[in-house]
């Protein structure tokens, strides 16, 4: 679950992009 870490230091917009690029499936699960 790297999105959790990035989500904290990265803004919501950036987080969306990062999550989408890193793991679309995981990002989708987190919502």
C-alpha atoms as a PDB file:
ATOM      1  CA  UNK A   1       0.000   0.000   0.000  1.00  0.00           C
ATOM      2  CA  UNK A   2       2.359   2.785  -1.132  1.00  0.00           C
ATOM      3  CA  UNK A   3      -0.540   5.072  -2.009  1.00  0.00           C
ATOM      4  CA  UNK A   4      -1.099   5.695   1.710  1.00  0.00           C
ATOM      5  CA  UNK A   5       2.431   7.064   2.067  1.00  0.00           C
ATOM      6  CA  UNK A   6       2.302   9.183  -1.070  1.00  0.00           C
ATOM      7  CA  UNK A   7      -1.196  10.353  -0.226  1.00  0.00           C
ATOM      8  CA  UNK A   8       0.152  12.035   2.924  1.00  0.00           C
ATOM      9  CA  UNK A   9       3.022  13.926   1.315  1.00  0.00           C
ATOM     10  CA  UNK A  10       1.379  14.507  -2.060  1.00  0.00           C
ATOM     11  CA  UNK A  11      -1.699  16.663  -2.701  1.00  0.00           C
ATOM     12  CA  UNK A  12      -5.016  15.048  -3.596  1.00  0.00           C
ATOM     13  CA  UNK A  13      -4.598  15.814  -7.305  1.00  0.00           C
ATOM     14  CA  UNK A  14      -1.050  14.468  -7.447  1.00  0.00           C
ATOM     15  CA  UNK A  15      -2.073  11.481  -5.351  1.00  0.00           C
ATOM     16  CA  UNK A  16      -4.766  10.580  -7.869  1.00  0.00           C
ATOM     17  CA  UNK A  17      -2.246  10.617 -10.704  1.00  0.00           C
ATOM     18  CA  UNK A  18       0.401   8.734  -8.732  1.00  0.00           C
ATOM     19  CA  UNK A  19      -2.091   6.099  -7.615  1.00  0.00           C
ATOM     20  CA  UNK A  20      -3.464   5.733 -11.130  1.00  0.00           C
ATOM     21  CA  UNK A  21       0.047   5.255 -12.480  1.00  0.00           C
ATOM     22  CA  UNK A  22       1.305   3.065  -9.622  1.00  0.00           C
ATOM     23  CA  UNK A  23      -1.655   0.727  -9.139  1.00  0.00           C
ATOM     24  CA  UNK A  24      -5.001   1.535 -10.696  1.00  0.00           C
ATOM     25  CA  UNK A  25      -6.562  -1.439  -8.913  1.00  0.00           C
ATOM     26  CA  UNK A  26      -5.295  -0.532  -5.472  1.00  0.00           C
ATOM     27  CA  UNK A  27      -6.117   3.140  -5.895  1.00  0.00           C
ATOM     28  CA  UNK A  28      -9.644   2.194  -6.937  1.00  0.00           C
ATOM     29  CA  UNK A  29     -10.046   0.021  -3.846  1.00  0.00           C
ATOM     30  CA  UNK A  30      -9.019   2.892  -1.568  1.00  0.00           C
ATOM     31  CA  UNK A  31     -11.522   5.135  -3.320  1.00  0.00           C
END
